[in-house]
C-alpha cells in the first residue's frame, strides 16, 4: 500500500504516524516521500517517536545486499488512533448522564484531570515557566494527544494536532475541558487559546509569554 501524502496542514510527526497506521510498516525513504521532506528530517522525527515509545524498528534481511530497517507503530502508537472501545465509552457516558445529576458528572471529569495533575505536580511546579511547556508536551503525549511546541523570543506556543477524545466530544463536550484544564494547571499563568479542533480548526493552539509566567511565579 502506498504511504499517504501530507496535505501541507499536517506536521511531519503526524504524517509519519498516519502513514505507519495505513501501511503497517515503512522505510525511511517511504516516510520521506509521504511527508515531502528529506530522509535526514525523517530520521530526526523517528528518533523522537522512538523515544516516546510510539514506534518500533525492525531489520529486514535479504538474500542479496545489505539489510534495511522498517518502522511500525508500537502498541502505544496504535492507541493514538480510534478503536471500537470509543463506542463503549460513549455508551457509558450516556448512562452516567442519564442516571446522575449534571454537577456530579462534571465533578467526575474534574476528578480525573485532578488525579493526573496531582500525580505530576511535584515535577512541573519545580520547573521554570518556559521549561513547563516541553514537560507538558510529553505529558499530553502520554495521555494520547499529538502535540508540539515552539517559541519566538518570549512568546511560547503549544500546538495540539489531534485529540484522542475527538469522536466523543460532539455529544460530551465536557471532555474537551480535560486537556484545557491540564494545560492551564501545568503552565500556571495567563494562557490564550487561538483555535480548537472541536470548532472545526485543524489544531488547537495555545500561547503564553514566558515573562508573564515568570512574574507570576515570583
N, C-alpha and C. Protein backbone atom coordinates (compact mmCIF):
# COMPACT_ATOMS: atom_id res chain seq x y z
N UNK A 1 0.85 -1.20 0.00
CA UNK A 1 0.00 0.00 0.00
C UNK A 1 0.88 1.24 0.00
N UNK A 2 0.55 2.20 -0.81
CA UNK A 2 1.35 3.39 -0.92
C UNK A 2 1.11 4.30 0.27
N UNK A 3 2.18 4.89 0.87
CA UNK A 3 2.01 5.78 2.01
C UNK A 3 1.12 6.96 1.67
N UNK A 4 0.35 7.43 2.66
CA UNK A 4 -0.47 8.61 2.44
C UNK A 4 0.42 9.83 2.33
N UNK A 5 -0.06 10.84 1.66
CA UNK A 5 0.72 12.05 1.49
C UNK A 5 0.18 13.15 2.39
N UNK A 6 1.12 13.92 2.94
CA UNK A 6 0.71 15.06 3.75
C UNK A 6 0.03 16.10 2.89
N UNK A 7 -0.87 16.88 3.48
CA UNK A 7 -1.60 17.88 2.71
C UNK A 7 -1.12 19.29 2.98
N UNK A 8 0.02 19.42 3.69
CA UNK A 8 0.55 20.76 3.97
C UNK A 8 0.04 21.32 5.27
N UNK A 9 -1.03 20.76 5.81
CA UNK A 9 -1.60 21.24 7.07
C UNK A 9 -1.18 20.35 8.24
N UNK A 10 -0.59 19.20 7.93
CA UNK A 10 -0.15 18.28 8.96
C UNK A 10 1.33 18.48 9.21
N UNK A 11 1.77 18.25 10.43
CA UNK A 11 3.21 18.29 10.67
C UNK A 11 3.81 16.93 10.32
N UNK A 12 5.13 16.89 10.26
CA UNK A 12 5.82 15.67 9.83
C UNK A 12 5.53 14.51 10.76
N UNK A 13 5.47 14.77 12.04
CA UNK A 13 5.19 13.73 13.03
C UNK A 13 3.84 13.08 12.74
N UNK A 14 2.84 13.90 12.45
CA UNK A 14 1.51 13.39 12.11
C UNK A 14 1.55 12.47 10.90
N UNK A 15 2.24 12.92 9.84
CA UNK A 15 2.29 12.16 8.59
C UNK A 15 2.96 10.81 8.82
N UNK A 16 4.03 10.80 9.59
CA UNK A 16 4.73 9.54 9.88
C UNK A 16 3.79 8.57 10.57
N UNK A 17 3.12 9.02 11.61
CA UNK A 17 2.23 8.13 12.37
C UNK A 17 1.08 7.63 11.51
N UNK A 18 0.48 8.52 10.73
CA UNK A 18 -0.65 8.11 9.90
C UNK A 18 -0.22 7.19 8.77
N UNK A 19 0.97 7.42 8.22
CA UNK A 19 1.48 6.53 7.18
C UNK A 19 1.73 5.14 7.73
N UNK A 20 2.33 5.06 8.91
CA UNK A 20 2.59 3.76 9.53
C UNK A 20 1.29 3.05 9.90
N UNK A 21 0.28 3.83 10.25
CA UNK A 21 -1.02 3.23 10.56
C UNK A 21 -1.65 2.63 9.30
N UNK A 22 -1.50 3.32 8.19
CA UNK A 22 -2.17 2.88 6.95
C UNK A 22 -1.37 1.82 6.20
N UNK A 23 -0.05 1.75 6.41
CA UNK A 23 0.78 0.82 5.65
C UNK A 23 1.35 -0.32 6.49
N UNK A 24 1.16 -0.26 7.79
CA UNK A 24 1.65 -1.27 8.73
C UNK A 24 3.13 -1.10 9.03
N UNK A 25 3.95 -0.93 7.98
CA UNK A 25 5.36 -0.65 8.18
C UNK A 25 5.90 0.09 6.97
N UNK A 26 6.99 0.84 7.17
CA UNK A 26 7.55 1.63 6.07
C UNK A 26 9.03 1.89 6.32
N UNK A 27 9.74 2.14 5.21
CA UNK A 27 11.15 2.50 5.28
C UNK A 27 11.28 4.02 5.39
N UNK A 28 12.49 4.46 5.70
CA UNK A 28 12.75 5.90 5.82
C UNK A 28 12.39 6.62 4.53
N UNK A 29 12.78 6.06 3.39
CA UNK A 29 12.51 6.72 2.10
C UNK A 29 11.01 6.83 1.83
N UNK A 30 10.24 5.80 2.24
CA UNK A 30 8.78 5.84 2.07
C UNK A 30 8.19 6.99 2.87
N UNK A 31 8.66 7.13 4.11
CA UNK A 31 8.13 8.16 5.00
C UNK A 31 8.55 9.55 4.53
N UNK A 32 9.77 9.65 4.00
CA UNK A 32 10.24 10.94 3.47
C UNK A 32 9.38 11.37 2.28
N UNK A 33 9.02 10.41 1.42
CA UNK A 33 8.17 10.72 0.27
C UNK A 33 6.77 11.13 0.73
N UNK A 34 6.24 10.43 1.72
CA UNK A 34 4.89 10.74 2.21
C UNK A 34 4.82 12.12 2.83
N UNK A 35 5.87 12.49 3.58
CA UNK A 35 5.88 13.78 4.27
C UNK A 35 6.47 14.91 3.43
N UNK A 36 7.06 14.54 2.28
CA UNK A 36 7.69 15.53 1.38
C UNK A 36 8.80 16.28 2.09
N UNK A 37 9.63 15.54 2.83
CA UNK A 37 10.81 16.11 3.49
C UNK A 37 12.00 15.18 3.23
N UNK A 38 13.16 15.58 3.67
CA UNK A 38 14.36 14.78 3.43
C UNK A 38 14.43 13.59 4.38
N UNK A 39 15.13 12.52 4.00
CA UNK A 39 15.33 11.38 4.90
C UNK A 39 16.00 11.78 6.21
N UNK A 40 16.89 12.79 6.17
CA UNK A 40 17.54 13.26 7.40
C UNK A 40 16.50 13.80 8.38
N UNK A 41 15.55 14.57 7.86
CA UNK A 41 14.48 15.11 8.71
C UNK A 41 13.62 13.99 9.27
N UNK A 42 13.32 13.00 8.43
CA UNK A 42 12.51 11.86 8.88
C UNK A 42 13.22 11.12 10.01
N UNK A 43 14.52 10.91 9.87
CA UNK A 43 15.26 10.19 10.91
C UNK A 43 15.22 10.94 12.24
N UNK A 44 15.27 12.25 12.17
CA UNK A 44 15.18 13.07 13.39
C UNK A 44 13.84 12.82 14.10
N UNK A 45 12.76 12.82 13.32
CA UNK A 45 11.43 12.59 13.92
C UNK A 45 11.28 11.14 14.39
N UNK A 46 11.86 10.22 13.66
CA UNK A 46 11.79 8.81 14.07
C UNK A 46 12.49 8.59 15.41
N UNK A 47 13.61 9.26 15.60
CA UNK A 47 14.31 9.14 16.88
C UNK A 47 13.44 9.66 18.02
N UNK A 48 12.74 10.77 17.76
CA UNK A 48 11.85 11.34 18.78
C UNK A 48 10.67 10.42 19.06
N UNK A 49 10.08 9.84 18.01
CA UNK A 49 8.96 8.94 18.18
C UNK A 49 9.36 7.65 18.89
N UNK A 50 10.58 7.19 18.62
CA UNK A 50 11.08 6.01 19.34
C UNK A 50 11.27 6.33 20.82
N UNK A 51 11.78 7.52 21.10
CA UNK A 51 11.98 7.94 22.50
C UNK A 51 10.65 8.01 23.24
N UNK A 52 9.58 8.34 22.50
CA UNK A 52 8.24 8.41 23.11
C UNK A 52 7.54 7.05 23.11
N UNK A 53 8.25 6.01 22.63
CA UNK A 53 7.70 4.64 22.58
C UNK A 53 6.47 4.53 21.70
N UNK A 54 6.40 5.36 20.64
CA UNK A 54 5.25 5.33 19.74
C UNK A 54 5.50 4.48 18.50
N UNK A 55 6.77 4.21 18.20
CA UNK A 55 7.09 3.38 17.04
C UNK A 55 8.15 2.34 17.40
N UNK A 56 8.25 1.32 16.53
CA UNK A 56 9.25 0.27 16.71
C UNK A 56 10.02 0.13 15.40
N UNK A 57 11.24 -0.38 15.50
CA UNK A 57 12.07 -0.56 14.31
C UNK A 57 12.50 -2.02 14.20
N UNK A 58 12.49 -2.54 12.99
CA UNK A 58 12.92 -3.91 12.75
C UNK A 58 13.86 -3.97 11.56
N UNK A 59 14.64 -5.02 11.47
CA UNK A 59 15.60 -5.19 10.38
C UNK A 59 15.11 -6.27 9.42
N UNK A 60 15.14 -5.96 8.13
CA UNK A 60 14.74 -6.91 7.09
C UNK A 60 16.00 -7.36 6.35
N UNK A 61 16.27 -8.66 6.40
CA UNK A 61 17.46 -9.20 5.75
C UNK A 61 17.09 -9.85 4.41
N UNK A 62 17.87 -9.55 3.40
CA UNK A 62 17.66 -10.10 2.06
C UNK A 62 18.74 -11.13 1.75
N UNK A 63 18.47 -11.96 0.76
CA UNK A 63 19.48 -12.95 0.36
C UNK A 63 20.69 -12.25 -0.26
N UNK A 64 20.41 -11.13 -0.93
CA UNK A 64 21.48 -10.37 -1.56
C UNK A 64 21.38 -8.91 -1.10
N UNK A 65 22.51 -8.33 -0.77
CA UNK A 65 22.51 -6.93 -0.37
C UNK A 65 22.42 -6.76 1.14
N UNK A 66 22.54 -5.52 1.55
CA UNK A 66 22.53 -5.20 2.97
C UNK A 66 21.10 -5.21 3.52
N UNK A 67 20.93 -5.53 4.81
CA UNK A 67 19.60 -5.46 5.42
C UNK A 67 19.15 -4.00 5.51
N UNK A 68 17.88 -3.79 5.61
CA UNK A 68 17.37 -2.42 5.77
C UNK A 68 16.37 -2.40 6.92
N UNK A 69 16.10 -1.18 7.41
CA UNK A 69 15.22 -1.03 8.57
C UNK A 69 13.81 -0.61 8.14
N UNK A 70 12.84 -1.16 8.84
CA UNK A 70 11.45 -0.76 8.63
C UNK A 70 10.87 -0.32 9.97
N UNK A 71 9.96 0.61 9.91
CA UNK A 71 9.35 1.17 11.11
C UNK A 71 7.87 0.86 11.15
N UNK A 72 7.37 0.66 12.35
CA UNK A 72 5.94 0.36 12.54
C UNK A 72 5.48 0.98 13.85
N UNK A 73 4.17 1.10 14.01
CA UNK A 73 3.62 1.64 15.25
C UNK A 73 3.79 0.64 16.39
N UNK A 74 4.10 1.13 17.56
CA UNK A 74 4.10 0.30 18.76
C UNK A 74 2.68 0.18 19.28
N UNK A 75 2.49 -0.58 20.32
CA UNK A 75 1.15 -0.68 20.93
C UNK A 75 0.67 0.69 21.38
N UNK A 76 1.58 1.47 21.97
CA UNK A 76 1.23 2.82 22.41
C UNK A 76 0.89 3.70 21.23
N UNK A 77 1.60 3.51 20.10
CA UNK A 77 1.31 4.29 18.91
C UNK A 77 -0.06 3.99 18.34
N UNK A 78 -0.44 2.72 18.35
CA UNK A 78 -1.77 2.34 17.85
C UNK A 78 -2.88 2.96 18.71
N UNK A 79 -2.60 3.17 19.99
CA UNK A 79 -3.60 3.72 20.88
C UNK A 79 -3.93 5.18 20.57
N UNK A 80 -3.10 5.82 19.73
CA UNK A 80 -3.39 7.20 19.34
C UNK A 80 -4.57 7.28 18.39
N UNK A 81 -4.93 6.15 17.79
CA UNK A 81 -5.98 6.14 16.78
C UNK A 81 -7.26 5.52 17.37
N UNK A 82 -8.42 5.96 16.86
CA UNK A 82 -9.69 5.47 17.41
C UNK A 82 -9.82 3.96 17.34
N UNK A 83 -10.42 3.38 18.38
CA UNK A 83 -10.70 1.95 18.42
C UNK A 83 -12.18 1.75 18.75
N UNK A 84 -12.62 0.50 18.71
CA UNK A 84 -14.02 0.23 18.97
C UNK A 84 -14.43 0.54 20.40
N UNK A 85 -13.44 0.64 21.33
CA UNK A 85 -13.82 0.93 22.70
C UNK A 85 -14.37 2.35 22.84
N UNK A 86 -14.18 3.19 21.80
CA UNK A 86 -14.78 4.52 21.83
C UNK A 86 -16.29 4.42 21.91
N UNK A 87 -16.87 3.45 21.19
CA UNK A 87 -18.32 3.25 21.23
C UNK A 87 -18.78 2.87 22.63
N UNK A 88 -18.02 2.00 23.29
CA UNK A 88 -18.36 1.61 24.65
C UNK A 88 -18.26 2.80 25.59
N UNK A 89 -17.21 3.61 25.43
CA UNK A 89 -17.04 4.79 26.28
C UNK A 89 -18.22 5.74 26.13
N UNK A 90 -18.65 5.94 24.89
CA UNK A 90 -19.78 6.83 24.65
C UNK A 90 -21.03 6.30 25.34
N UNK A 91 -21.27 5.01 25.27
CA UNK A 91 -22.44 4.42 25.92
C UNK A 91 -22.37 4.59 27.44
N UNK A 92 -21.17 4.42 28.00
CA UNK A 92 -21.00 4.59 29.44
C UNK A 92 -21.28 6.04 29.86
N UNK A 93 -20.79 6.99 29.05
CA UNK A 93 -21.03 8.40 29.36
C UNK A 93 -22.52 8.74 29.24
N UNK A 94 -23.17 8.18 28.24
CA UNK A 94 -24.61 8.39 28.09
C UNK A 94 -25.36 7.90 29.33
N UNK A 95 -24.96 6.73 29.84
CA UNK A 95 -25.60 6.17 31.02
C UNK A 95 -25.33 7.03 32.26
N UNK A 96 -24.12 7.50 32.39
CA UNK A 96 -23.78 8.36 33.53
C UNK A 96 -24.66 9.61 33.55
N UNK A 97 -24.82 10.21 32.38
CA UNK A 97 -25.61 11.44 32.30
C UNK A 97 -27.10 11.18 32.54
N UNK A 98 -27.52 9.98 32.17
CA UNK A 98 -28.94 9.66 32.35
C UNK A 98 -29.28 9.39 33.81
N UNK A 99 -28.31 8.86 34.57
CA UNK A 99 -28.60 8.44 35.94
C UNK A 99 -28.02 9.35 37.02
N UNK A 100 -27.15 10.28 36.63
CA UNK A 100 -26.51 11.14 37.62
C UNK A 100 -26.80 12.61 37.31
N UNK A 101 -26.86 13.46 38.34
CA UNK A 101 -27.03 14.90 38.10
C UNK A 101 -25.85 15.46 37.32
N UNK A 102 -26.11 16.51 36.53
CA UNK A 102 -25.08 17.10 35.70
C UNK A 102 -23.86 17.54 36.52
N UNK A 103 -24.10 18.09 37.71
CA UNK A 103 -22.98 18.56 38.53
C UNK A 103 -22.12 17.40 39.01
N UNK A 104 -22.73 16.24 39.21
CA UNK A 104 -21.96 15.07 39.63
C UNK A 104 -21.07 14.58 38.49
N UNK A 105 -21.60 14.59 37.28
CA UNK A 105 -20.82 14.18 36.11
C UNK A 105 -19.64 15.13 35.93
N UNK A 106 -19.90 16.44 36.09
CA UNK A 106 -18.82 17.43 35.98
C UNK A 106 -17.74 17.18 37.01
N UNK A 107 -18.14 16.83 38.23
CA UNK A 107 -17.18 16.54 39.29
C UNK A 107 -16.34 15.31 38.97
N UNK A 108 -16.96 14.32 38.33
CA UNK A 108 -16.22 13.13 37.94
C UNK A 108 -15.12 13.47 36.93
N UNK A 109 -15.48 14.27 35.92
CA UNK A 109 -14.49 14.68 34.93
C UNK A 109 -13.37 15.49 35.57
N UNK A 110 -13.74 16.41 36.46
CA UNK A 110 -12.73 17.23 37.14
C UNK A 110 -11.82 16.36 37.99
N UNK A 111 -12.40 15.33 38.61
CA UNK A 111 -11.61 14.43 39.44
C UNK A 111 -10.57 13.68 38.64
N UNK A 112 -10.94 13.30 37.40
CA UNK A 112 -10.00 12.57 36.54
C UNK A 112 -8.78 13.42 36.23
N UNK A 113 -9.01 14.65 35.76
CA UNK A 113 -7.87 15.50 35.41
C UNK A 113 -7.10 15.92 36.65
N UNK A 114 -7.79 16.07 37.79
CA UNK A 114 -7.10 16.44 39.02
C UNK A 114 -6.14 15.35 39.47
N UNK A 115 -6.54 14.10 39.27
CA UNK A 115 -5.65 12.99 39.60
C UNK A 115 -4.38 13.02 38.76
N UNK A 116 -4.53 13.34 37.47
CA UNK A 116 -3.38 13.44 36.58
C UNK A 116 -2.46 14.59 37.03
N UNK A 117 -3.08 15.72 37.35
CA UNK A 117 -2.31 16.89 37.79
C UNK A 117 -1.57 16.59 39.09
N UNK A 118 -2.26 16.00 40.05
CA UNK A 118 -1.64 15.69 41.35
C UNK A 118 -0.48 14.71 41.19
N UNK A 119 -0.62 13.79 40.25
CA UNK A 119 0.43 12.79 40.02
C UNK A 119 1.73 13.45 39.54
N UNK A 120 1.60 14.56 38.80
CA UNK A 120 2.77 15.20 38.21
C UNK A 120 3.13 16.53 38.86
N UNK A 121 2.33 16.99 39.81
CA UNK A 121 2.50 18.34 40.35
C UNK A 121 3.91 18.61 40.87
N UNK A 122 4.47 17.71 41.63
CA UNK A 122 5.78 17.94 42.24
C UNK A 122 6.87 18.14 41.19
N UNK A 123 6.66 17.58 39.99
CA UNK A 123 7.66 17.70 38.93
C UNK A 123 7.51 19.01 38.18
N UNK A 124 6.30 19.36 37.73
CA UNK A 124 6.18 20.55 36.91
C UNK A 124 6.24 21.84 37.73
N UNK A 125 5.85 21.80 39.00
CA UNK A 125 5.93 23.02 39.81
C UNK A 125 7.37 23.38 40.14
N UNK A 126 8.29 22.43 40.03
CA UNK A 126 9.70 22.71 40.30
C UNK A 126 10.40 23.31 39.09
N UNK A 127 9.72 23.36 37.93
CA UNK A 127 10.33 23.85 36.70
C UNK A 127 10.12 25.35 36.53
N UNK A 128 11.07 26.00 35.83
CA UNK A 128 10.86 27.39 35.42
C UNK A 128 9.70 27.43 34.43
N UNK A 129 9.12 28.62 34.28
CA UNK A 129 7.91 28.76 33.47
C UNK A 129 8.07 28.18 32.06
N UNK A 130 9.14 28.57 31.34
CA UNK A 130 9.32 28.12 29.96
C UNK A 130 9.59 26.62 29.89
N UNK A 131 10.19 26.06 30.93
CA UNK A 131 10.52 24.63 30.92
C UNK A 131 9.29 23.76 31.14
N UNK A 132 8.20 24.36 31.59
CA UNK A 132 6.99 23.57 31.81
C UNK A 132 6.36 23.13 30.49
N UNK A 133 6.63 23.88 29.42
CA UNK A 133 5.98 23.58 28.13
C UNK A 133 6.46 22.26 27.54
N UNK A 134 7.77 22.01 27.40
CA UNK A 134 8.18 20.69 26.91
C UNK A 134 7.74 19.56 27.83
N UNK A 135 7.70 19.84 29.14
CA UNK A 135 7.20 18.82 30.07
C UNK A 135 5.72 18.53 29.77
N UNK A 136 4.95 19.59 29.51
CA UNK A 136 3.53 19.44 29.21
C UNK A 136 3.31 18.64 27.93
N UNK A 137 4.13 18.88 26.90
CA UNK A 137 4.00 18.15 25.64
C UNK A 137 4.19 16.66 25.88
N UNK A 138 5.18 16.29 26.68
CA UNK A 138 5.41 14.88 26.99
C UNK A 138 4.23 14.29 27.76
N UNK A 139 3.68 15.09 28.67
CA UNK A 139 2.54 14.63 29.44
C UNK A 139 1.31 14.42 28.56
N UNK A 140 1.06 15.35 27.65
CA UNK A 140 -0.07 15.22 26.72
C UNK A 140 0.11 14.00 25.82
N UNK A 141 1.35 13.75 25.40
CA UNK A 141 1.64 12.58 24.58
C UNK A 141 1.30 11.30 25.33
N UNK A 142 1.65 11.25 26.60
CA UNK A 142 1.34 10.09 27.43
C UNK A 142 -0.17 9.87 27.52
N UNK A 143 -0.94 10.97 27.47
CA UNK A 143 -2.39 10.88 27.57
C UNK A 143 -3.07 10.65 26.22
N UNK A 144 -2.26 10.52 25.14
CA UNK A 144 -2.82 10.18 23.84
C UNK A 144 -2.98 11.32 22.86
N UNK A 145 -2.54 12.53 23.22
CA UNK A 145 -2.63 13.67 22.31
C UNK A 145 -1.38 13.70 21.42
N UNK A 146 -1.50 14.37 20.27
CA UNK A 146 -0.33 14.70 19.45
C UNK A 146 -0.09 16.19 19.63
N UNK A 147 1.05 16.55 20.19
CA UNK A 147 1.31 17.96 20.48
C UNK A 147 2.77 18.29 20.24
N UNK A 148 3.03 19.58 20.04
CA UNK A 148 4.39 20.06 19.85
C UNK A 148 4.43 21.50 20.34
N UNK A 149 5.63 22.04 20.47
CA UNK A 149 5.77 23.42 20.93
C UNK A 149 6.92 24.11 20.23
N UNK A 150 6.85 25.45 20.20
CA UNK A 150 7.99 26.24 19.74
C UNK A 150 7.87 27.63 20.36
N UNK A 151 8.84 28.46 20.09
CA UNK A 151 8.79 29.81 20.63
C UNK A 151 9.49 30.79 19.71
N UNK A 152 9.07 32.04 19.78
CA UNK A 152 9.73 33.14 19.11
C UNK A 152 10.01 34.19 20.18
N UNK A 153 11.24 34.20 20.64
CA UNK A 153 11.58 35.10 21.72
C UNK A 153 10.86 34.73 23.00
N UNK A 154 10.12 35.68 23.53
CA UNK A 154 9.45 35.48 24.81
C UNK A 154 8.10 34.76 24.66
N UNK A 155 7.58 34.70 23.40
CA UNK A 155 6.27 34.08 23.19
C UNK A 155 6.43 32.58 22.92
N UNK A 156 5.72 31.78 23.68
CA UNK A 156 5.76 30.33 23.52
C UNK A 156 4.41 29.85 22.98
N UNK A 157 4.47 28.81 22.14
CA UNK A 157 3.24 28.29 21.53
C UNK A 157 3.16 26.78 21.70
N UNK A 158 2.01 26.33 22.16
CA UNK A 158 1.70 24.91 22.24
C UNK A 158 0.67 24.60 21.17
N UNK A 159 0.96 23.59 20.32
CA UNK A 159 0.04 23.19 19.27
C UNK A 159 -0.38 21.74 19.50
N UNK A 160 -1.68 21.52 19.60
CA UNK A 160 -2.23 20.17 19.77
C UNK A 160 -2.85 19.78 18.43
N UNK A 161 -2.30 18.72 17.80
CA UNK A 161 -2.70 18.35 16.45
C UNK A 161 -3.83 17.33 16.41
N UNK A 162 -3.97 16.55 17.46
CA UNK A 162 -5.05 15.57 17.47
C UNK A 162 -5.48 15.28 18.90
N UNK A 163 -6.73 14.94 19.05
CA UNK A 163 -7.30 14.68 20.37
C UNK A 163 -7.84 13.25 20.41
N UNK A 164 -7.45 12.46 21.41
CA UNK A 164 -7.92 11.07 21.46
C UNK A 164 -9.40 10.96 21.77
N UNK A 165 -10.00 12.07 22.21
CA UNK A 165 -11.43 12.06 22.56
C UNK A 165 -12.30 12.71 21.49
N UNK A 166 -11.73 12.98 20.31
CA UNK A 166 -12.44 13.77 19.31
C UNK A 166 -13.82 13.22 18.98
N UNK A 167 -13.92 11.90 18.81
CA UNK A 167 -15.20 11.31 18.41
C UNK A 167 -16.24 11.33 19.51
N UNK A 168 -15.83 11.67 20.73
CA UNK A 168 -16.77 11.71 21.85
C UNK A 168 -17.26 13.11 22.18
N UNK A 169 -16.48 14.11 21.78
CA UNK A 169 -16.73 15.47 22.25
C UNK A 169 -18.02 16.06 21.68
N UNK A 170 -18.41 15.62 20.48
CA UNK A 170 -19.62 16.19 19.86
C UNK A 170 -20.83 16.05 20.77
N UNK A 171 -20.93 14.93 21.46
CA UNK A 171 -22.08 14.71 22.36
C UNK A 171 -21.70 14.85 23.83
N UNK A 172 -20.41 14.93 24.12
CA UNK A 172 -19.95 15.06 25.51
C UNK A 172 -18.87 16.13 25.57
N UNK A 173 -19.30 17.38 25.47
CA UNK A 173 -18.36 18.50 25.37
C UNK A 173 -17.52 18.66 26.63
N UNK A 174 -17.96 18.09 27.75
CA UNK A 174 -17.20 18.21 28.99
C UNK A 174 -15.78 17.66 28.84
N UNK A 175 -15.65 16.67 27.96
CA UNK A 175 -14.35 16.02 27.78
C UNK A 175 -13.31 17.01 27.27
N UNK A 176 -13.77 17.99 26.48
CA UNK A 176 -12.84 18.97 25.91
C UNK A 176 -12.15 19.77 27.01
N UNK A 177 -12.78 19.86 28.18
CA UNK A 177 -12.19 20.62 29.27
C UNK A 177 -11.04 19.87 29.93
N UNK A 178 -10.94 18.56 29.69
CA UNK A 178 -9.88 17.78 30.33
C UNK A 178 -8.50 18.28 29.94
N UNK A 179 -8.24 18.38 28.62
CA UNK A 179 -6.91 18.82 28.20
C UNK A 179 -6.68 20.29 28.52
N UNK A 180 -7.74 21.12 28.42
CA UNK A 180 -7.57 22.53 28.73
C UNK A 180 -7.21 22.74 30.20
N UNK A 181 -7.90 22.04 31.07
CA UNK A 181 -7.62 22.17 32.49
C UNK A 181 -6.21 21.68 32.81
N UNK A 182 -5.80 20.62 32.13
CA UNK A 182 -4.46 20.10 32.32
C UNK A 182 -3.42 21.12 31.85
N UNK A 183 -3.65 21.71 30.68
CA UNK A 183 -2.73 22.70 30.12
C UNK A 183 -2.61 23.91 31.04
N UNK A 184 -3.74 24.46 31.46
CA UNK A 184 -3.71 25.65 32.31
C UNK A 184 -3.08 25.36 33.67
N UNK A 185 -3.32 24.16 34.19
CA UNK A 185 -2.78 23.82 35.51
C UNK A 185 -1.27 23.67 35.49
N UNK A 186 -0.74 23.07 34.42
CA UNK A 186 0.71 22.87 34.33
C UNK A 186 1.42 24.20 34.06
N UNK A 187 0.88 24.99 33.14
CA UNK A 187 1.55 26.24 32.77
C UNK A 187 1.40 27.32 33.85
N UNK A 188 0.29 27.28 34.58
CA UNK A 188 0.08 28.18 35.72
C UNK A 188 0.30 29.65 35.38
N UNK A 189 -0.44 30.14 34.42
CA UNK A 189 -0.32 31.54 34.06
C UNK A 189 -1.34 31.93 33.01
N UNK A 190 -1.27 33.16 32.50
CA UNK A 190 -2.23 33.65 31.50
C UNK A 190 -1.99 33.03 30.13
N UNK A 191 -2.77 32.02 29.81
CA UNK A 191 -2.64 31.30 28.54
C UNK A 191 -3.82 31.67 27.63
N UNK A 192 -3.53 31.94 26.35
CA UNK A 192 -4.57 32.28 25.39
C UNK A 192 -4.75 31.13 24.40
N UNK A 193 -6.01 30.83 24.07
CA UNK A 193 -6.30 29.80 23.07
C UNK A 193 -6.70 30.47 21.77
N UNK A 194 -6.15 29.98 20.63
CA UNK A 194 -6.37 30.62 19.33
C UNK A 194 -7.03 29.70 18.31
N UNK A 195 -7.47 28.56 18.70
CA UNK A 195 -8.12 27.63 17.79
C UNK A 195 -8.49 26.37 18.52
N UNK A 196 -9.46 25.65 17.98
CA UNK A 196 -9.92 24.42 18.65
C UNK A 196 -10.35 23.40 17.60
N UNK A 197 -9.84 22.20 17.71
CA UNK A 197 -10.20 21.13 16.78
C UNK A 197 -11.70 20.89 16.79
N UNK A 198 -12.28 20.97 17.96
CA UNK A 198 -13.72 20.69 18.09
C UNK A 198 -14.56 21.73 17.34
N UNK A 199 -14.04 22.95 17.19
CA UNK A 199 -14.76 24.00 16.48
C UNK A 199 -14.51 23.97 14.98
N UNK A 200 -13.77 22.95 14.50
CA UNK A 200 -13.54 22.82 13.08
C UNK A 200 -12.15 23.22 12.63
N UNK A 201 -11.33 23.74 13.55
CA UNK A 201 -9.95 24.07 13.20
C UNK A 201 -9.13 22.79 13.09
N UNK A 202 -8.01 22.85 12.39
CA UNK A 202 -7.21 21.62 12.22
C UNK A 202 -6.24 21.39 13.37
N UNK A 203 -6.26 22.30 14.36
CA UNK A 203 -5.42 22.13 15.53
C UNK A 203 -5.87 23.08 16.64
N UNK A 204 -5.50 22.78 17.87
CA UNK A 204 -5.71 23.68 19.00
C UNK A 204 -4.39 24.38 19.28
N UNK A 205 -4.42 25.70 19.40
CA UNK A 205 -3.20 26.46 19.62
C UNK A 205 -3.33 27.29 20.89
N UNK A 206 -2.31 27.22 21.75
CA UNK A 206 -2.28 27.98 22.99
C UNK A 206 -0.97 28.77 23.04
N UNK A 207 -1.02 30.02 23.45
CA UNK A 207 0.19 30.82 23.55
C UNK A 207 0.29 31.47 24.93
N UNK A 208 1.52 31.75 25.32
CA UNK A 208 1.74 32.50 26.56
C UNK A 208 3.09 33.19 26.48
N UNK A 209 3.26 34.22 27.29
CA UNK A 209 4.52 34.95 27.37
C UNK A 209 5.28 34.45 28.59
N UNK A 210 6.50 34.00 28.37
CA UNK A 210 7.30 33.45 29.48
C UNK A 210 7.53 34.47 30.57
N UNK A 211 7.70 35.73 30.18
CA UNK A 211 7.95 36.77 31.16
C UNK A 211 6.76 36.98 32.08
N UNK A 212 5.55 36.83 31.53
CA UNK A 212 4.35 36.97 32.35
C UNK A 212 4.22 35.80 33.32
N UNK A 213 4.58 34.61 32.84
CA UNK A 213 4.56 33.43 33.71
C UNK A 213 5.55 33.60 34.85
N UNK A 214 6.76 34.07 34.48
CA UNK A 214 7.80 34.20 35.48
C UNK A 214 7.43 35.24 36.53
N UNK A 215 6.81 36.35 36.10
CA UNK A 215 6.44 37.38 37.06
C UNK A 215 5.39 36.88 38.03
N UNK A 216 4.55 35.95 37.55
CA UNK A 216 3.54 35.39 38.43
C UNK A 216 4.19 34.45 39.44
N UNK A 217 5.24 33.73 39.01
CA UNK A 217 5.90 32.79 39.91
C UNK A 217 6.64 33.52 41.03
N UNK A 218 7.15 34.71 40.71
CA UNK A 218 7.95 35.44 41.70
C UNK A 218 7.10 36.03 42.79
